[in-house]
Amino acid sequence: MRLVRRPDGVIMSDPTGKMNGRGAYLCHSEACILNAQKRKNLERSLKATVPPDLYESLLAEIRDSALEDKNNPN
């Protein structure tokens, strides 16, 4: 998954991978996100302070997609 720091300083998820700004990539797993938060990898990559609520929303997104995959075995 790609995150981007837009020119106005807002950090957000970039599902298309085409947004303008400084980008950073994370694997799509809880462990990866928690590790990135603990080690401040995103802050270094994006050269900005990453708010804790962004990590929570990323974790929620992963949990939701895991539930969808579990409920839809196709």
N, C-alpha and C. Protein backbone atom coordinates (compact mmCIF):
# COMPACT_ATOMS: atom_id res chain seq x y z
N MET A 1 0.84 -1.16 0.00
CA MET A 1 0.00 0.00 0.00
C MET A 1 0.89 1.23 0.00
N ARG A 2 0.44 2.29 -0.67
CA ARG A 2 1.23 3.51 -0.78
C ARG A 2 0.58 4.61 0.06
N LEU A 3 1.41 5.33 0.76
CA LEU A 3 1.00 6.53 1.47
C LEU A 3 1.71 7.70 0.84
N VAL A 4 1.08 8.85 0.89
CA VAL A 4 1.69 10.03 0.26
C VAL A 4 1.54 11.23 1.19
N ARG A 5 2.60 12.06 1.21
CA ARG A 5 2.53 13.37 1.86
C ARG A 5 2.35 14.37 0.74
N ARG A 6 1.16 14.92 0.68
CA ARG A 6 0.84 15.87 -0.38
C ARG A 6 1.63 17.16 -0.17
N PRO A 7 1.71 18.00 -1.20
CA PRO A 7 2.44 19.26 -1.06
C PRO A 7 1.91 20.16 0.06
N ASP A 8 0.62 20.02 0.42
CA ASP A 8 0.07 20.82 1.52
C ASP A 8 0.35 20.21 2.89
N GLY A 9 1.08 19.07 2.93
CA GLY A 9 1.49 18.45 4.18
C GLY A 9 0.58 17.35 4.70
N VAL A 10 -0.56 17.14 4.07
CA VAL A 10 -1.50 16.10 4.51
C VAL A 10 -0.97 14.74 4.09
N ILE A 11 -1.00 13.79 5.03
CA ILE A 11 -0.57 12.42 4.75
C ILE A 11 -1.82 11.57 4.61
N MET A 12 -1.86 10.81 3.53
CA MET A 12 -3.04 9.98 3.28
C MET A 12 -2.69 8.76 2.45
N SER A 13 -3.61 7.81 2.43
CA SER A 13 -3.45 6.61 1.63
C SER A 13 -3.63 6.97 0.16
N ASP A 14 -2.86 6.30 -0.71
CA ASP A 14 -2.93 6.55 -2.15
C ASP A 14 -3.19 5.23 -2.86
N PRO A 15 -4.46 4.83 -2.95
CA PRO A 15 -4.76 3.53 -3.57
C PRO A 15 -4.42 3.45 -5.05
N THR A 16 -4.41 4.59 -5.75
CA THR A 16 -4.10 4.57 -7.18
C THR A 16 -2.60 4.56 -7.44
N GLY A 17 -1.82 5.05 -6.47
CA GLY A 17 -0.38 5.13 -6.64
C GLY A 17 0.07 6.25 -7.55
N LYS A 18 -0.84 7.20 -7.82
CA LYS A 18 -0.53 8.27 -8.78
C LYS A 18 -0.61 9.67 -8.19
N MET A 19 -0.91 9.79 -6.92
CA MET A 19 -1.04 11.12 -6.33
C MET A 19 0.31 11.83 -6.28
N ASN A 20 0.27 13.14 -6.43
CA ASN A 20 1.48 13.94 -6.33
C ASN A 20 1.91 14.05 -4.87
N GLY A 21 3.19 14.05 -4.66
CA GLY A 21 3.73 14.21 -3.32
C GLY A 21 4.77 13.15 -3.04
N ARG A 22 5.33 13.22 -1.85
CA ARG A 22 6.36 12.27 -1.43
C ARG A 22 5.68 10.99 -0.98
N GLY A 23 6.05 9.87 -1.54
CA GLY A 23 5.39 8.61 -1.25
C GLY A 23 6.23 7.65 -0.44
N ALA A 24 5.54 6.73 0.22
CA ALA A 24 6.18 5.65 0.97
C ALA A 24 5.29 4.42 0.85
N TYR A 25 5.91 3.27 0.85
CA TYR A 25 5.17 2.02 0.69
C TYR A 25 5.23 1.17 1.95
N LEU A 26 4.12 0.48 2.23
CA LEU A 26 4.03 -0.47 3.33
C LEU A 26 3.40 -1.75 2.81
N CYS A 27 3.82 -2.86 3.37
CA CYS A 27 3.14 -4.11 3.02
C CYS A 27 1.76 -4.09 3.68
N HIS A 28 0.89 -4.91 3.20
CA HIS A 28 -0.51 -4.91 3.63
C HIS A 28 -0.71 -5.92 4.75
N SER A 29 -0.08 -5.65 5.92
CA SER A 29 -0.25 -6.53 7.08
C SER A 29 -0.19 -5.72 8.36
N GLU A 30 -0.87 -6.21 9.38
CA GLU A 30 -0.86 -5.53 10.68
C GLU A 30 0.55 -5.44 11.25
N ALA A 31 1.29 -6.53 11.15
CA ALA A 31 2.65 -6.55 11.71
C ALA A 31 3.53 -5.49 11.07
N CYS A 32 3.40 -5.32 9.79
CA CYS A 32 4.20 -4.34 9.06
C CYS A 32 3.86 -2.91 9.52
N ILE A 33 2.59 -2.62 9.67
CA ILE A 33 2.17 -1.29 10.08
C ILE A 33 2.60 -1.01 11.52
N LEU A 34 2.42 -1.99 12.40
CA LEU A 34 2.83 -1.80 13.79
C LEU A 34 4.34 -1.62 13.90
N ASN A 35 5.09 -2.35 13.10
CA ASN A 35 6.54 -2.21 13.09
C ASN A 35 6.96 -0.84 12.56
N ALA A 36 6.30 -0.39 11.51
CA ALA A 36 6.60 0.93 10.95
C ALA A 36 6.31 2.04 11.96
N GLN A 37 5.23 1.86 12.72
CA GLN A 37 4.89 2.85 13.74
C GLN A 37 5.93 2.85 14.86
N LYS A 38 6.30 1.67 15.30
CA LYS A 38 7.27 1.54 16.39
C LYS A 38 8.63 2.11 16.00
N ARG A 39 9.07 1.82 14.77
CA ARG A 39 10.40 2.25 14.33
C ARG A 39 10.41 3.61 13.64
N LYS A 40 9.21 4.22 13.48
CA LYS A 40 9.06 5.53 12.84
C LYS A 40 9.58 5.54 11.39
N ASN A 41 9.39 4.43 10.71
CA ASN A 41 9.82 4.31 9.32
C ASN A 41 9.10 5.30 8.40
N LEU A 42 7.79 5.43 8.59
CA LEU A 42 7.04 6.34 7.72
C LEU A 42 7.45 7.79 7.95
N GLU A 43 7.71 8.14 9.19
CA GLU A 43 8.13 9.52 9.47
C GLU A 43 9.43 9.84 8.75
N ARG A 44 10.35 8.90 8.75
CA ARG A 44 11.61 9.11 8.04
C ARG A 44 11.39 9.18 6.53
N SER A 45 10.60 8.27 6.01
CA SER A 45 10.38 8.21 4.56
C SER A 45 9.61 9.43 4.05
N LEU A 46 8.60 9.84 4.79
CA LEU A 46 7.77 10.95 4.35
C LEU A 46 8.30 12.30 4.81
N LYS A 47 9.29 12.27 5.69
CA LYS A 47 9.89 13.50 6.24
C LYS A 47 8.82 14.38 6.87
N ALA A 48 7.96 13.75 7.68
CA ALA A 48 6.88 14.46 8.36
C ALA A 48 6.42 13.64 9.56
N THR A 49 5.76 14.28 10.48
CA THR A 49 5.18 13.58 11.62
C THR A 49 3.89 12.91 11.18
N VAL A 50 3.81 11.61 11.44
CA VAL A 50 2.63 10.84 11.06
C VAL A 50 1.71 10.75 12.27
N PRO A 51 0.47 11.24 12.16
CA PRO A 51 -0.45 11.20 13.31
C PRO A 51 -0.85 9.77 13.65
N PRO A 52 -1.00 9.49 14.95
CA PRO A 52 -1.38 8.13 15.38
C PRO A 52 -2.70 7.65 14.78
N ASP A 53 -3.63 8.56 14.52
CA ASP A 53 -4.91 8.13 13.96
C ASP A 53 -4.77 7.59 12.54
N LEU A 54 -3.71 7.98 11.83
CA LEU A 54 -3.47 7.42 10.50
C LEU A 54 -3.12 5.93 10.62
N TYR A 55 -2.29 5.60 11.60
CA TYR A 55 -1.95 4.19 11.81
C TYR A 55 -3.21 3.39 12.18
N GLU A 56 -4.06 3.98 13.02
CA GLU A 56 -5.30 3.30 13.39
C GLU A 56 -6.20 3.08 12.19
N SER A 57 -6.29 4.05 11.31
CA SER A 57 -7.15 3.89 10.13
C SER A 57 -6.56 2.84 9.18
N LEU A 58 -5.23 2.77 9.07
CA LEU A 58 -4.60 1.75 8.23
C LEU A 58 -4.87 0.35 8.80
N LEU A 59 -4.75 0.23 10.11
CA LEU A 59 -5.04 -1.07 10.75
C LEU A 59 -6.49 -1.46 10.56
N ALA A 60 -7.40 -0.50 10.69
CA ALA A 60 -8.83 -0.78 10.50
C ALA A 60 -9.10 -1.21 9.06
N GLU A 61 -8.43 -0.56 8.11
CA GLU A 61 -8.59 -0.92 6.70
C GLU A 61 -8.14 -2.36 6.44
N ILE A 62 -7.04 -2.76 7.04
CA ILE A 62 -6.54 -4.12 6.87
C ILE A 62 -7.47 -5.13 7.52
N ARG A 63 -7.95 -4.80 8.71
CA ARG A 63 -8.88 -5.71 9.39
C ARG A 63 -10.17 -5.87 8.62
N ASP A 64 -10.68 -4.77 8.05
CA ASP A 64 -11.90 -4.83 7.25
C ASP A 64 -11.70 -5.69 6.00
N SER A 65 -10.56 -5.52 5.34
CA SER A 65 -10.32 -6.32 4.14
C SER A 65 -10.13 -7.80 4.49
N ALA A 66 -9.57 -8.08 5.66
CA ALA A 66 -9.42 -9.47 6.09
C ALA A 66 -10.79 -10.08 6.36
N LEU A 67 -11.71 -9.31 6.94
CA LEU A 67 -13.06 -9.81 7.18
C LEU A 67 -13.80 -10.06 5.87
N GLU A 68 -13.63 -9.14 4.91
CA GLU A 68 -14.26 -9.33 3.61
C GLU A 68 -13.74 -10.58 2.94
N ASP A 69 -12.44 -10.82 3.01
CA ASP A 69 -11.85 -12.01 2.40
C ASP A 69 -12.37 -13.28 3.07
N LYS A 70 -12.54 -13.21 4.39
CA LYS A 70 -13.03 -14.36 5.14
C LYS A 70 -14.48 -14.66 4.79
N ASN A 71 -15.29 -13.62 4.63
CA ASN A 71 -16.72 -13.78 4.33
C ASN A 71 -16.99 -14.08 2.86
N ASN A 72 -16.04 -13.78 1.99
CA ASN A 72 -16.21 -13.99 0.56
C ASN A 72 -15.07 -14.89 0.05
N PRO A 73 -15.20 -16.19 0.18
CA PRO A 73 -14.10 -17.10 -0.18
C PRO A 73 -13.84 -17.26 -1.67
N ASN A 74 -14.55 -16.55 -2.52
CA ASN A 74 -14.36 -16.70 -3.98
C ASN A 74 -13.05 -16.23 -4.40
